[in-house]
Amino acid sequence: MKTNAAILLVNRNQRNLELLAEFLGKGGYAISTASSLEEFDQALAGEKDVGVALVDITGFDQDIWERCEQLRSKKRPFLVISPRQSVALQQASLSHGARGVMIKPLGVKELIGIIEGMLEEQE
């Protein structure tokens, strides 16, 4: 494993969640997943150490930002993933503690580089 801390993947789309988890798992990362706000809450309260989080906001309501605030308060870096680019989304993401916003489809090399950078900051 590259780190003892897990990468928390949050995504309402189960298939996308599985694909990203499989891809990152093959890359040697420990993975934790959440496909609902309840599962996100469990991951935040759980014993597994979350190193970084990738939060796809698609399909979630405004309550997703409360969980992002929890990540920020725990000093866990996270990245927001969105299907579209907008200034309002960028501002909301950053104001709730996100390191940035990636627009789908995700660039694999860019994503890995960002994840590794955020994990290094946690060491």
PDB file of N, CA and C in Angstrom:
ATOM      1  N   MET A   1       0.834  -1.178   0.000  1.00  0.00           N
ATOM      2  CA  MET A   1       0.000   0.000   0.000  1.00  0.00           C
ATOM      3  C   MET A   1       0.883   1.248   0.000  1.00  0.00           C
ATOM      4  N   LYS A   2       0.384   2.295  -0.588  1.00  0.00           N
ATOM      5  CA  LYS A   2       1.136   3.533  -0.629  1.00  0.00           C
ATOM      6  C   LYS A   2       0.992   4.304   0.667  1.00  0.00           C
ATOM      7  N   THR A   3      -0.070   4.059   1.408  1.00  0.00           N
ATOM      8  CA  THR A   3      -0.305   4.752   2.669  1.00  0.00           C
ATOM      9  C   THR A   3      -1.217   3.911   3.540  1.00  0.00           C
ATOM     10  N   ASN A   4      -1.167   4.135   4.841  1.00  0.00           N
ATOM     11  CA  ASN A   4      -2.088   3.441   5.738  1.00  0.00           C
ATOM     12  C   ASN A   4      -3.465   4.083   5.719  1.00  0.00           C
ATOM     13  N   ALA A   5      -3.528   5.351   5.356  1.00  0.00           N
ATOM     14  CA  ALA A   5      -4.797   6.056   5.306  1.00  0.00           C
ATOM     15  C   ALA A   5      -5.536   5.702   4.019  1.00  0.00           C
ATOM     16  N   ALA A   6      -6.839   5.593   4.139  1.00  0.00           N
ATOM     17  CA  ALA A   6      -7.657   5.240   2.983  1.00  0.00           C
ATOM     18  C   ALA A   6      -8.029   6.473   2.176  1.00  0.00           C
ATOM     19  N   ILE A   7      -8.247   6.253   0.905  1.00  0.00           N
ATOM     20  CA  ILE A   7      -8.855   7.266   0.058  1.00  0.00           C
ATOM     21  C   ILE A   7     -10.354   7.001   0.146  1.00  0.00           C
ATOM     22  N   LEU A   8     -11.098   7.989   0.600  1.00  0.00           N
ATOM     23  CA  LEU A   8     -12.543   7.863   0.677  1.00  0.00           C
ATOM     24  C   LEU A   8     -13.138   8.347  -0.627  1.00  0.00           C
ATOM     25  N   LEU A   9     -13.862   7.455  -1.295  1.00  0.00           N
ATOM     26  CA  LEU A   9     -14.548   7.793  -2.534  1.00  0.00           C
ATOM     27  C   LEU A   9     -16.029   7.946  -2.233  1.00  0.00           C
ATOM     28  N   VAL A  10     -16.591   9.093  -2.588  1.00  0.00           N
ATOM     29  CA  VAL A  10     -18.010   9.361  -2.364  1.00  0.00           C
ATOM     30  C   VAL A  10     -18.653   9.592  -3.719  1.00  0.00           C
ATOM     31  N   ASN A  11     -19.656   8.763  -4.044  1.00  0.00           N
ATOM     32  CA  ASN A  11     -20.292   8.849  -5.352  1.00  0.00           C
ATOM     33  C   ASN A  11     -21.643   8.152  -5.284  1.00  0.00           C
ATOM     34  N   ARG A  12     -22.709   8.807  -5.731  1.00  0.00           N
ATOM     35  CA  ARG A  12     -24.049   8.198  -5.721  1.00  0.00           C
ATOM     36  C   ARG A  12     -24.178   7.101  -6.781  1.00  0.00           C
ATOM     37  N   ASN A  13     -23.407   7.210  -7.853  1.00  0.00           N
ATOM     38  CA  ASN A  13     -23.475   6.235  -8.940  1.00  0.00           C
ATOM     39  C   ASN A  13     -22.612   5.031  -8.575  1.00  0.00           C
ATOM     40  N   GLN A  14     -23.265   3.923  -8.257  1.00  0.00           N
ATOM     41  CA  GLN A  14     -22.559   2.735  -7.769  1.00  0.00           C
ATOM     42  C   GLN A  14     -21.539   2.220  -8.785  1.00  0.00           C
ATOM     43  N   ARG A  15     -21.872   2.236 -10.048  1.00  0.00           N
ATOM     44  CA  ARG A  15     -20.951   1.730 -11.072  1.00  0.00           C
ATOM     45  C   ARG A  15     -19.694   2.603 -11.156  1.00  0.00           C
ATOM     46  N   ASN A  16     -19.869   3.915 -11.151  1.00  0.00           N
ATOM     47  CA  ASN A  16     -18.711   4.811 -11.177  1.00  0.00           C
ATOM     48  C   ASN A  16     -17.854   4.631  -9.931  1.00  0.00           C
ATOM     49  N   LEU A  17     -18.517   4.422  -8.795  1.00  0.00           N
ATOM     50  CA  LEU A  17     -17.811   4.195  -7.535  1.00  0.00           C
ATOM     51  C   LEU A  17     -16.960   2.930  -7.625  1.00  0.00           C
ATOM     52  N   GLU A  18     -17.549   1.868  -8.153  1.00  0.00           N
ATOM     53  CA  GLU A  18     -16.826   0.597  -8.301  1.00  0.00           C
ATOM     54  C   GLU A  18     -15.636   0.737  -9.245  1.00  0.00           C
ATOM     55  N   LEU A  19     -15.835   1.414 -10.361  1.00  0.00           N
ATOM     56  CA  LEU A  19     -14.756   1.575 -11.339  1.00  0.00           C
ATOM     57  C   LEU A  19     -13.578   2.360 -10.756  1.00  0.00           C
ATOM     58  N   LEU A  20     -13.883   3.460 -10.071  1.00  0.00           N
ATOM     59  CA  LEU A  20     -12.819   4.265  -9.494  1.00  0.00           C
ATOM     60  C   LEU A  20     -12.118   3.516  -8.365  1.00  0.00           C
ATOM     61  N   ALA A  21     -12.893   2.804  -7.551  1.00  0.00           N
ATOM     62  CA  ALA A  21     -12.308   2.018  -6.461  1.00  0.00           C
ATOM     63  C   ALA A  21     -11.400   0.927  -7.015  1.00  0.00           C
ATOM     64  N   GLU A  22     -11.841   0.259  -8.070  1.00  0.00           N
ATOM     65  CA  GLU A  22     -11.031  -0.802  -8.678  1.00  0.00           C
ATOM     66  C   GLU A  22      -9.740  -0.225  -9.259  1.00  0.00           C
ATOM     67  N   PHE A  23      -9.862   0.885  -9.965  1.00  0.00           N
ATOM     68  CA  PHE A  23      -8.697   1.517 -10.576  1.00  0.00           C
ATOM     69  C   PHE A  23      -7.677   1.942  -9.526  1.00  0.00           C
ATOM     70  N   LEU A  24      -8.138   2.654  -8.493  1.00  0.00           N
ATOM     71  CA  LEU A  24      -7.211   3.122  -7.459  1.00  0.00           C
ATOM     72  C   LEU A  24      -6.689   1.968  -6.605  1.00  0.00           C
ATOM     73  N   GLY A  25      -7.520   0.950  -6.383  1.00  0.00           N
ATOM     74  CA  GLY A  25      -7.089  -0.232  -5.636  1.00  0.00           C
ATOM     75  C   GLY A  25      -5.954  -0.942  -6.348  1.00  0.00           C
ATOM     76  N   LYS A  26      -6.047  -1.048  -7.663  1.00  0.00           N
ATOM     77  CA  LYS A  26      -4.974  -1.671  -8.443  1.00  0.00           C
ATOM     78  C   LYS A  26      -3.697  -0.851  -8.378  1.00  0.00           C
ATOM     79  N   GLY A  27      -3.847   0.448  -8.117  1.00  0.00           N
ATOM     80  CA  GLY A  27      -2.684   1.323  -8.002  1.00  0.00           C
ATOM     81  C   GLY A  27      -2.026   1.246  -6.631  1.00  0.00           C
ATOM     82  N   GLY A  28      -2.563   0.391  -5.760  1.00  0.00           N
ATOM     83  CA  GLY A  28      -1.952   0.203  -4.455  1.00  0.00           C
ATOM     84  C   GLY A  28      -2.511   1.064  -3.342  1.00  0.00           C
ATOM     85  N   TYR A  29      -3.600   1.737  -3.607  1.00  0.00           N
ATOM     86  CA  TYR A  29      -4.201   2.588  -2.594  1.00  0.00           C
ATOM     87  C   TYR A  29      -5.237   1.814  -1.787  1.00  0.00           C
ATOM     88  N   ALA A  30      -5.324   2.116  -0.496  1.00  0.00           N
ATOM     89  CA  ALA A  30      -6.393   1.594   0.357  1.00  0.00           C
ATOM     90  C   ALA A  30      -7.633   2.435   0.047  1.00  0.00           C
ATOM     91  N   ILE A  31      -8.769   1.763  -0.153  1.00  0.00           N
ATOM     92  CA  ILE A  31      -9.979   2.453  -0.583  1.00  0.00           C
ATOM     93  C   ILE A  31     -11.111   2.225   0.399  1.00  0.00           C
ATOM     94  N   SER A  32     -11.855   3.285   0.642  1.00  0.00           N
ATOM     95  CA  SER A  32     -13.093   3.238   1.413  1.00  0.00           C
ATOM     96  C   SER A  32     -14.136   3.942   0.547  1.00  0.00           C
ATOM     97  N   THR A  33     -15.387   3.450   0.537  1.00  0.00           N
ATOM     98  CA  THR A  33     -16.390   4.042  -0.342  1.00  0.00           C
ATOM     99  C   THR A  33     -17.660   4.421   0.415  1.00  0.00           C
ATOM    100  N   ALA A  34     -18.380   5.376  -0.166  1.00  0.00           N
ATOM    101  CA  ALA A  34     -19.684   5.786   0.348  1.00  0.00           C
ATOM    102  C   ALA A  34     -20.555   6.196  -0.843  1.00  0.00           C
ATOM    103  N   SER A  35     -21.767   5.645  -0.894  1.00  0.00           N
ATOM    104  CA  SER A  35     -22.669   5.994  -1.990  1.00  0.00           C
ATOM    105  C   SER A  35     -23.919   6.731  -1.491  1.00  0.00           C
ATOM    106  N   SER A  36     -23.935   7.084  -0.217  1.00  0.00           N
ATOM    107  CA  SER A  36     -25.055   7.842   0.348  1.00  0.00           C
ATOM    108  C   SER A  36     -24.517   8.748   1.456  1.00  0.00           C
ATOM    109  N   LEU A  37     -25.332   9.697   1.869  1.00  0.00           N
ATOM    110  CA  LEU A  37     -24.912  10.564   2.961  1.00  0.00           C
ATOM    111  C   LEU A  37     -24.736   9.769   4.248  1.00  0.00           C
ATOM    112  N   GLU A  38     -25.565   8.755   4.441  1.00  0.00           N
ATOM    113  CA  GLU A  38     -25.455   7.909   5.630  1.00  0.00           C
ATOM    114  C   GLU A  38     -24.117   7.160   5.640  1.00  0.00           C
ATOM    115  N   GLU A  39     -23.737   6.608   4.502  1.00  0.00           N
ATOM    116  CA  GLU A  39     -22.447   5.913   4.412  1.00  0.00           C
ATOM    117  C   GLU A  39     -21.288   6.902   4.571  1.00  0.00           C
ATOM    118  N   PHE A  40     -21.459   8.106   4.054  1.00  0.00           N
ATOM    119  CA  PHE A  40     -20.448   9.153   4.213  1.00  0.00           C
ATOM    120  C   PHE A  40     -20.286   9.465   5.703  1.00  0.00           C
ATOM    121  N   ASP A  41     -21.416   9.591   6.419  1.00  0.00           N
ATOM    122  CA  ASP A  41     -21.371   9.835   7.863  1.00  0.00           C
ATOM    123  C   ASP A  41     -20.628   8.711   8.584  1.00  0.00           C
ATOM    124  N   GLN A  42     -20.924   7.473   8.205  1.00  0.00           N
ATOM    125  CA  GLN A  42     -20.267   6.320   8.835  1.00  0.00           C
ATOM    126  C   GLN A  42     -18.765   6.351   8.583  1.00  0.00           C
ATOM    127  N   ALA A  43     -18.376   6.707   7.362  1.00  0.00           N
ATOM    128  CA  ALA A  43     -16.951   6.772   7.033  1.00  0.00           C
ATOM    129  C   ALA A  43     -16.269   7.875   7.849  1.00  0.00           C
ATOM    130  N   LEU A  44     -16.946   8.990   8.028  1.00  0.00           N
ATOM    131  CA  LEU A  44     -16.362  10.093   8.796  1.00  0.00           C
ATOM    132  C   LEU A  44     -16.238   9.743  10.272  1.00  0.00           C
ATOM    133  N   ALA A  45     -17.158   8.935  10.765  1.00  0.00           N
ATOM    134  CA  ALA A  45     -17.147   8.559  12.183  1.00  0.00           C
ATOM    135  C   ALA A  45     -16.373   7.273  12.437  1.00  0.00           C
ATOM    136  N   GLY A  46     -16.039   6.560  11.370  1.00  0.00           N
ATOM    137  CA  GLY A  46     -15.421   5.247  11.502  1.00  0.00           C
ATOM    138  C   GLY A  46     -14.005   5.271  12.012  1.00  0.00           C
ATOM    139  N   GLU A  47     -13.527   4.064  12.244  1.00  0.00           N
ATOM    140  CA  GLU A  47     -12.179   3.906  12.776  1.00  0.00           C
ATOM    141  C   GLU A  47     -11.113   3.959  11.685  1.00  0.00           C
ATOM    142  N   LYS A  48     -11.508   3.709  10.434  1.00  0.00           N
ATOM    143  CA  LYS A  48     -10.545   3.786   9.345  1.00  0.00           C
ATOM    144  C   LYS A  48     -10.093   5.222   9.179  1.00  0.00           C
ATOM    145  N   ASP A  49      -8.813   5.410   9.050  1.00  0.00           N
ATOM    146  CA  ASP A  49      -8.275   6.746   8.876  1.00  0.00           C
ATOM    147  C   ASP A  49      -8.439   7.182   7.424  1.00  0.00           C
ATOM    148  N   VAL A  50      -9.173   8.248   7.221  1.00  0.00           N
ATOM    149  CA  VAL A  50      -9.348   8.802   5.885  1.00  0.00           C
ATOM    150  C   VAL A  50      -8.196   9.759   5.630  1.00  0.00           C
ATOM    151  N   GLY A  51      -7.395   9.452   4.617  1.00  0.00           N
ATOM    152  CA  GLY A  51      -6.281  10.319   4.271  1.00  0.00           C
ATOM    153  C   GLY A  51      -6.728  11.468   3.401  1.00  0.00           C
ATOM    154  N   VAL A  52      -7.443  11.151   2.346  1.00  0.00           N
ATOM    155  CA  VAL A  52      -8.007  12.143   1.441  1.00  0.00           C
ATOM    156  C   VAL A  52      -9.358  11.619   0.962  1.00  0.00           C
ATOM    157  N   ALA A  53     -10.157  12.522   0.408  1.00  0.00           N
ATOM    158  CA  ALA A  53     -11.461  12.125  -0.114  1.00  0.00           C
ATOM    159  C   ALA A  53     -11.671  12.709  -1.497  1.00  0.00           C
ATOM    160  N   LEU A  54     -12.334  11.934  -2.332  1.00  0.00           N
ATOM    161  CA  LEU A  54     -12.793  12.385  -3.641  1.00  0.00           C
ATOM    162  C   LEU A  54     -14.308  12.370  -3.570  1.00  0.00           C
ATOM    163  N   VAL A  55     -14.925  13.546  -3.625  1.00  0.00           N
ATOM    164  CA  VAL A  55     -16.363  13.668  -3.415  1.00  0.00           C
ATOM    165  C   VAL A  55     -17.035  14.095  -4.707  1.00  0.00           C
ATOM    166  N   ASP A  56     -17.732  13.153  -5.350  1.00  0.00           N
ATOM    167  CA  ASP A  56     -18.514  13.460  -6.543  1.00  0.00           C
ATOM    168  C   ASP A  56     -19.867  13.956  -6.051  1.00  0.00           C
ATOM    169  N   ILE A  57     -20.155  15.231  -6.274  1.00  0.00           N
ATOM    170  CA  ILE A  57     -21.366  15.828  -5.721  1.00  0.00           C
ATOM    171  C   ILE A  57     -22.618  15.530  -6.537  1.00  0.00           C
ATOM    172  N   THR A  58     -22.478  14.887  -7.681  1.00  0.00           N
ATOM    173  CA  THR A  58     -23.612  14.584  -8.534  1.00  0.00           C
ATOM    174  C   THR A  58     -24.655  13.765  -7.785  1.00  0.00           C
ATOM    175  N   GLY A  59     -25.894  14.243  -7.788  1.00  0.00           N
ATOM    176  CA  GLY A  59     -26.989  13.503  -7.178  1.00  0.00           C
ATOM    177  C   GLY A  59     -27.188  13.754  -5.696  1.00  0.00           C
ATOM    178  N   PHE A  60     -26.303  14.512  -5.077  1.00  0.00           N
ATOM    179  CA  PHE A  60     -26.453  14.847  -3.664  1.00  0.00           C
ATOM    180  C   PHE A  60     -27.115  16.221  -3.536  1.00  0.00           C
ATOM    181  N   ASP A  61     -27.815  16.426  -2.421  1.00  0.00           N
ATOM    182  CA  ASP A  61     -28.395  17.738  -2.158  1.00  0.00           C
ATOM    183  C   ASP A  61     -27.390  18.602  -1.389  1.00  0.00           C
ATOM    184  N   GLN A  62     -27.835  19.730  -0.910  1.00  0.00           N
ATOM    185  CA  GLN A  62     -26.958  20.678  -0.219  1.00  0.00           C
ATOM    186  C   GLN A  62     -26.318  20.101   1.039  1.00  0.00           C
ATOM    187  N   ASP A  63     -26.882  19.013   1.587  1.00  0.00           N
ATOM    188  CA  ASP A  63     -26.327  18.395   2.789  1.00  0.00           C
ATOM    189  C   ASP A  63     -24.918  17.850   2.573  1.00  0.00           C
ATOM    190  N   ILE A  64     -24.534  17.665   1.321  1.00  0.00           N
ATOM    191  CA  ILE A  64     -23.183  17.165   1.045  1.00  0.00           C
ATOM    192  C   ILE A  64     -22.140  18.132   1.600  1.00  0.00           C
ATOM    193  N   TRP A  65     -22.459  19.434   1.607  1.00  0.00           N
ATOM    194  CA  TRP A  65     -21.498  20.437   2.067  1.00  0.00           C
ATOM    195  C   TRP A  65     -21.231  20.312   3.557  1.00  0.00           C
ATOM    196  N   GLU A  66     -22.213  19.855   4.337  1.00  0.00           N
ATOM    197  CA  GLU A  66     -21.983  19.644   5.771  1.00  0.00           C
ATOM    198  C   GLU A  66     -20.899  18.589   5.973  1.00  0.00           C
ATOM    199  N   ARG A  67     -20.940  17.541   5.162  1.00  0.00           N
ATOM    200  CA  ARG A  67     -19.917  16.482   5.269  1.00  0.00           C
ATOM    201  C   ARG A  67     -18.563  17.007   4.829  1.00  0.00           C
ATOM    202  N   CYS A  68     -18.563  17.853   3.815  1.00  0.00           N
ATOM    203  CA  CYS A  68     -17.305  18.457   3.379  1.00  0.00           C
ATOM    204  C   CYS A  68     -16.718  19.317   4.496  1.00  0.00           C
ATOM    205  N   GLU A  69     -17.579  20.010   5.213  1.00  0.00           N
ATOM    206  CA  GLU A  69     -17.117  20.802   6.357  1.00  0.00           C
ATOM    207  C   GLU A  69     -16.494  19.900   7.425  1.00  0.00           C
ATOM    208  N   GLN A  70     -17.065  18.712   7.608  1.00  0.00           N
ATOM    209  CA  GLN A  70     -16.495  17.772   8.574  1.00  0.00           C
ATOM    210  C   GLN A  70     -15.105  17.328   8.132  1.00  0.00           C
ATOM    211  N   LEU A  71     -14.946  17.078   6.837  1.00  0.00           N
ATOM    212  CA  LEU A  71     -13.613  16.732   6.326  1.00  0.00           C
ATOM    213  C   LEU A  71     -12.636  17.856   6.621  1.00  0.00           C
ATOM    214  N   ARG A  72     -13.074  19.081   6.363  1.00  0.00           N
ATOM    215  CA  ARG A  72     -12.200  20.224   6.612  1.00  0.00           C
ATOM    216  C   ARG A  72     -11.841  20.320   8.093  1.00  0.00           C
ATOM    217  N   SER A  73     -12.826  20.137   8.986  1.00  0.00           N
ATOM    218  CA  SER A  73     -12.555  20.260  10.418  1.00  0.00           C
ATOM    219  C   SER A  73     -11.610  19.164  10.906  1.00  0.00           C
ATOM    220  N   LYS A  74     -11.603  18.010  10.212  1.00  0.00           N
ATOM    221  CA  LYS A  74     -10.688  16.915  10.559  1.00  0.00           C
ATOM    222  C   LYS A  74      -9.348  17.068   9.836  1.00  0.00           C
ATOM    223  N   LYS A  75      -9.226  18.169   9.110  1.00  0.00           N
ATOM    224  CA  LYS A  75      -8.004  18.461   8.349  1.00  0.00           C
ATOM    225  C   LYS A  75      -7.683  17.366   7.329  1.00  0.00           C
ATOM    226  N   ARG A  76      -8.723  16.864   6.674  1.00  0.00           N
ATOM    227  CA  ARG A  76      -8.571  15.864   5.621  1.00  0.00           C
ATOM    228  C   ARG A  76      -8.801  16.536   4.278  1.00  0.00           C
ATOM    229  N   PRO A  77      -7.778  16.573   3.436  1.00  0.00           N
ATOM    230  CA  PRO A  77      -7.948  17.212   2.137  1.00  0.00           C
ATOM    231  C   PRO A  77      -8.926  16.432   1.261  1.00  0.00           C
ATOM    232  N   PHE A  78      -9.682  17.171   0.494  1.00  0.00           N
ATOM    233  CA  PHE A  78     -10.613  16.514  -0.423  1.00  0.00           C
ATOM    234  C   PHE A  78     -10.747  17.316  -1.699  1.00  0.00           C
ATOM    235  N   LEU A  79     -11.196  16.602  -2.703  1.00  0.00           N
ATOM    236  CA  LEU A  79     -11.385  17.151  -4.030  1.00  0.00           C
ATOM    237  C   LEU A  79     -12.845  16.931  -4.405  1.00  0.00           C
ATOM    238  N   VAL A  80     -13.478  17.951  -4.951  1.00  0.00           N
ATOM    239  CA  VAL A  80     -14.851  17.825  -5.427  1.00  0.00           C
ATOM    240  C   VAL A  80     -14.801  17.447  -6.901  1.00  0.00           C
ATOM    241  N   ILE A  81     -15.652  16.505  -7.265  1.00  0.00           N
ATOM    242  CA  ILE A  81     -15.776  16.072  -8.662  1.00  0.00           C
ATOM    243  C   ILE A  81     -17.170  16.456  -9.127  1.00  0.00           C
ATOM    244  N   SER A  82     -17.250  17.055 -10.312  1.00  0.00           N
ATOM    245  CA  SER A  82     -18.519  17.551 -10.829  1.00  0.00           C
ATOM    246  C   SER A  82     -18.643  17.266 -12.320  1.00  0.00           C
ATOM    247  N   PRO A  83     -19.881  17.107 -12.803  1.00  0.00           N
ATOM    248  CA  PRO A  83     -20.067  16.882 -14.229  1.00  0.00           C
ATOM    249  C   PRO A  83     -19.954  18.166 -15.057  1.00  0.00           C
ATOM    250  N   ARG A  84     -19.990  19.327 -14.380  1.00  0.00           N
ATOM    251  CA  ARG A  84     -19.934  20.578 -15.128  1.00  0.00           C
ATOM    252  C   ARG A  84     -19.092  21.600 -14.369  1.00  0.00           C
ATOM    253  N   GLN A  85     -18.633  22.571 -15.109  1.00  0.00           N
ATOM    254  CA  GLN A  85     -17.825  23.627 -14.511  1.00  0.00           C
ATOM    255  C   GLN A  85     -18.706  24.847 -14.311  1.00  0.00           C
ATOM    256  N   SER A  86     -18.629  25.430 -13.124  1.00  0.00           N
ATOM    257  CA  SER A  86     -19.333  26.687 -12.884  1.00  0.00           C
ATOM    258  C   SER A  86     -18.596  27.456 -11.800  1.00  0.00           C
ATOM    259  N   VAL A  87     -18.663  28.753 -11.893  1.00  0.00           N
ATOM    260  CA  VAL A  87     -18.007  29.610 -10.917  1.00  0.00           C
ATOM    261  C   VAL A  87     -18.644  29.402  -9.546  1.00  0.00           C
ATOM    262  N   ALA A  88     -19.980  29.284  -9.496  1.00  0.00           N
ATOM    263  CA  ALA A  88     -20.678  29.094  -8.220  1.00  0.00           C
ATOM    264  C   ALA A  88     -20.250  27.795  -7.548  1.00  0.00           C
ATOM    265  N   LEU A  89     -20.126  26.724  -8.325  1.00  0.00           N
ATOM    266  CA  LEU A  89     -19.696  25.441  -7.781  1.00  0.00           C
ATOM    267  C   LEU A  89     -18.254  25.527  -7.277  1.00  0.00           C
ATOM    268  N   GLN A  90     -17.415  26.162  -8.040  1.00  0.00           N
ATOM    269  CA  GLN A  90     -16.009  26.344  -7.643  1.00  0.00           C
ATOM    270  C   GLN A  90     -15.944  27.101  -6.317  1.00  0.00           C
ATOM    271  N   GLN A  91     -16.698  28.195  -6.217  1.00  0.00           N
ATOM    272  CA  GLN A  91     -16.687  28.996  -4.999  1.00  0.00           C
ATOM    273  C   GLN A  91     -17.233  28.205  -3.814  1.00  0.00           C
ATOM    274  N   ALA A  92     -18.341  27.480  -4.010  1.00  0.00           N
ATOM    275  CA  ALA A  92     -18.924  26.688  -2.927  1.00  0.00           C
ATOM    276  C   ALA A  92     -17.943  25.619  -2.468  1.00  0.00           C
ATOM    277  N   SER A  93     -17.321  24.947  -3.419  1.00  0.00           N
ATOM    278  CA  SER A  93     -16.373  23.881  -3.083  1.00  0.00           C
ATOM    279  C   SER A  93     -15.214  24.417  -2.259  1.00  0.00           C
ATOM    280  N   LEU A  94     -14.627  25.486  -2.712  1.00  0.00           N
ATOM    281  CA  LEU A  94     -13.481  26.066  -2.010  1.00  0.00           C
ATOM    282  C   LEU A  94     -13.886  26.631  -0.646  1.00  0.00           C
ATOM    283  N   SER A  95     -15.077  27.230  -0.574  1.00  0.00           N
ATOM    284  CA  SER A  95     -15.511  27.806   0.704  1.00  0.00           C
ATOM    285  C   SER A  95     -15.794  26.731   1.747  1.00  0.00           C
ATOM    286  N   HIS A  96     -16.054  25.504   1.295  1.00  0.00           N
ATOM    287  CA  HIS A  96     -16.303  24.396   2.223  1.00  0.00           C
ATOM    288  C   HIS A  96     -15.051  23.549   2.456  1.00  0.00           C
ATOM    289  N   GLY A  97     -13.914  24.008   1.921  1.00  0.00           N
ATOM    290  CA  GLY A  97     -12.654  23.368   2.242  1.00  0.00           C
ATOM    291  C   GLY A  97     -12.022  22.500   1.169  1.00  0.00           C
ATOM    292  N   ALA A  98     -12.637  22.384   0.009  1.00  0.00           N
ATOM    293  CA  ALA A  98     -12.066  21.547  -1.053  1.00  0.00           C
ATOM    294  C   ALA A  98     -10.748  22.133  -1.545  1.00  0.00           C
ATOM    295  N   ARG A  99      -9.842  21.236  -1.936  1.00  0.00           N
ATOM    296  CA  ARG A  99      -8.568  21.671  -2.519  1.00  0.00           C
ATOM    297  C   ARG A  99      -8.753  22.120  -3.961  1.00  0.00           C
ATOM    298  N   GLY A 100      -9.850  21.689  -4.557  1.00  0.00           N
ATOM    299  CA  GLY A 100     -10.127  22.038  -5.937  1.00  0.00           C
ATOM    300  C   GLY A 100     -11.315  21.268  -6.461  1.00  0.00           C
ATOM    301  N   VAL A 101     -11.622  21.509  -7.728  1.00  0.00           N
ATOM    302  CA  VAL A 101     -12.730  20.842  -8.400  1.00  0.00           C
ATOM    303  C   VAL A 101     -12.203  20.220  -9.682  1.00  0.00           C
ATOM    304  N   MET A 102     -12.520  18.953  -9.888  1.00  0.00           N
ATOM    305  CA  MET A 102     -12.198  18.295 -11.155  1.00  0.00           C
ATOM    306  C   MET A 102     -13.504  18.063 -11.897  1.00  0.00           C
ATOM    307  N   ILE A 103     -13.466  18.304 -13.180  1.00  0.00           N
ATOM    308  CA  ILE A 103     -14.642  18.139 -14.019  1.00  0.00           C
ATOM    309  C   ILE A 103     -14.543  16.807 -14.748  1.00  0.00           C
ATOM    310  N   LYS A 104     -15.674  16.069 -14.755  1.00  0.00           N
ATOM    311  CA  LYS A 104     -15.708  14.783 -15.452  1.00  0.00           C
ATOM    312  C   LYS A 104     -15.752  15.023 -16.951  1.00  0.00           C
ATOM    313  N   PRO A 105     -15.173  14.139 -17.738  1.00  0.00           N
ATOM    314  CA  PRO A 105     -14.458  12.928 -17.343  1.00  0.00           C
ATOM    315  C   PRO A 105     -13.100  13.272 -16.742  1.00  0.00           C
ATOM    316  N   LEU A 106     -12.678  12.440 -15.812  1.00  0.00           N
ATOM    317  CA  LEU A 106     -11.445  12.679 -15.076  1.00  0.00           C
ATOM    318  C   LEU A 106     -10.222  12.283 -15.891  1.00  0.00           C
ATOM    319  N   GLY A 107      -9.198  13.099 -15.818  1.00  0.00           N
ATOM    320  CA  GLY A 107      -7.910  12.764 -16.410  1.00  0.00           C
ATOM    321  C   GLY A 107      -7.139  11.906 -15.422  1.00  0.00           C
ATOM    322  N   VAL A 108      -6.801  10.687 -15.803  1.00  0.00           N
ATOM    323  CA  VAL A 108      -6.196   9.721 -14.892  1.00  0.00           C
ATOM    324  C   VAL A 108      -4.871  10.224 -14.316  1.00  0.00           C
ATOM    325  N   LYS A 109      -3.976  10.691 -15.151  1.00  0.00           N
ATOM    326  CA  LYS A 109      -2.671  11.145 -14.668  1.00  0.00           C
ATOM    327  C   LYS A 109      -2.818  12.344 -13.744  1.00  0.00           C
ATOM    328  N   GLU A 110      -3.685  13.258 -14.098  1.00  0.00           N
ATOM    329  CA  GLU A 110      -3.913  14.435 -13.264  1.00  0.00           C
ATOM    330  C   GLU A 110      -4.501  14.033 -11.911  1.00  0.00           C
ATOM    331  N   LEU A 111      -5.470  13.117 -11.926  1.00  0.00           N
ATOM    332  CA  LEU A 111      -6.101  12.656 -10.692  1.00  0.00           C
ATOM    333  C   LEU A 111      -5.077  11.990  -9.766  1.00  0.00           C
ATOM    334  N   ILE A 112      -4.269  11.093 -10.311  1.00  0.00           N
ATOM    335  CA  ILE A 112      -3.252  10.410  -9.505  1.00  0.00           C
ATOM    336  C   ILE A 112      -2.260  11.420  -8.923  1.00  0.00           C
ATOM    337  N   GLY A 113      -1.859  12.379  -9.726  1.00  0.00           N
ATOM    338  CA  GLY A 113      -0.928  13.406  -9.245  1.00  0.00           C
ATOM    339  C   GLY A 113      -1.510  14.205  -8.094  1.00  0.00           C
ATOM    340  N   ILE A 114      -2.776  14.555  -8.182  1.00  0.00           N
ATOM    341  CA  ILE A 114      -3.424  15.321  -7.116  1.00  0.00           C
ATOM    342  C   ILE A 114      -3.557  14.469  -5.859  1.00  0.00           C
ATOM    343  N   ILE A 115      -3.969  13.215  -6.023  1.00  0.00           N
ATOM    344  CA  ILE A 115      -4.109  12.310  -4.869  1.00  0.00           C
ATOM    345  C   ILE A 115      -2.766  12.151  -4.165  1.00  0.00           C
ATOM    346  N   GLU A 116      -1.715  11.889  -4.921  1.00  0.00           N
ATOM    347  CA  GLU A 116      -0.401  11.700  -4.312  1.00  0.00           C
ATOM    348  C   GLU A 116       0.065  12.957  -3.590  1.00  0.00           C
ATOM    349  N   GLY A 117      -0.201  14.113  -4.168  1.00  0.00           N
ATOM    350  CA  GLY A 117       0.169  15.365  -3.524  1.00  0.00           C
ATOM    351  C   GLY A 117      -0.579  15.568  -2.211  1.00  0.00           C
ATOM    352  N   MET A 118      -1.867  15.270  -2.205  1.00  0.00           N
ATOM    353  CA  MET A 118      -2.650  15.433  -0.978  1.00  0.00           C
ATOM    354  C   MET A 118      -2.217  14.420   0.086  1.00  0.00           C
ATOM    355  N   LEU A 119      -1.916  13.192  -0.316  1.00  0.00           N
ATOM    356  CA  LEU A 119      -1.456  12.186   0.643  1.00  0.00           C
ATOM    357  C   LEU A 119      -0.106  12.562   1.245  1.00  0.00           C
ATOM    358  N   GLU A 120       0.793  13.094   0.438  1.00  0.00           N
ATOM    359  CA  GLU A 120       2.097  13.510   0.940  1.00  0.00           C
ATOM    360  C   GLU A 120       1.953  14.582   2.011  1.00  0.00           C
ATOM    361  N   GLU A 121       0.991  15.477   1.824  1.00  0.00           N
ATOM    362  CA  GLU A 121       0.754  16.531   2.814  1.00  0.00           C
ATOM    363  C   GLU A 121       0.313  15.943   4.159  1.00  0.00           C
ATOM    364  N   GLN A 122      -0.313  14.778   4.137  1.00  0.00           N
ATOM    365  CA  GLN A 122      -0.830  14.159   5.354  1.00  0.00           C
ATOM    366  C   GLN A 122       0.247  13.427   6.143  1.00  0.00           C
ATOM    367  N   GLU A 123       1.379  13.157   5.520  1.00  0.00           N
ATOM    368  CA  GLU A 123       2.446  12.390   6.189  1.00  0.00           C
ATOM    369  C   GLU A 123       3.227  13.229   7.160  1.00  0.00           C
TER     370      GLU A 123
END
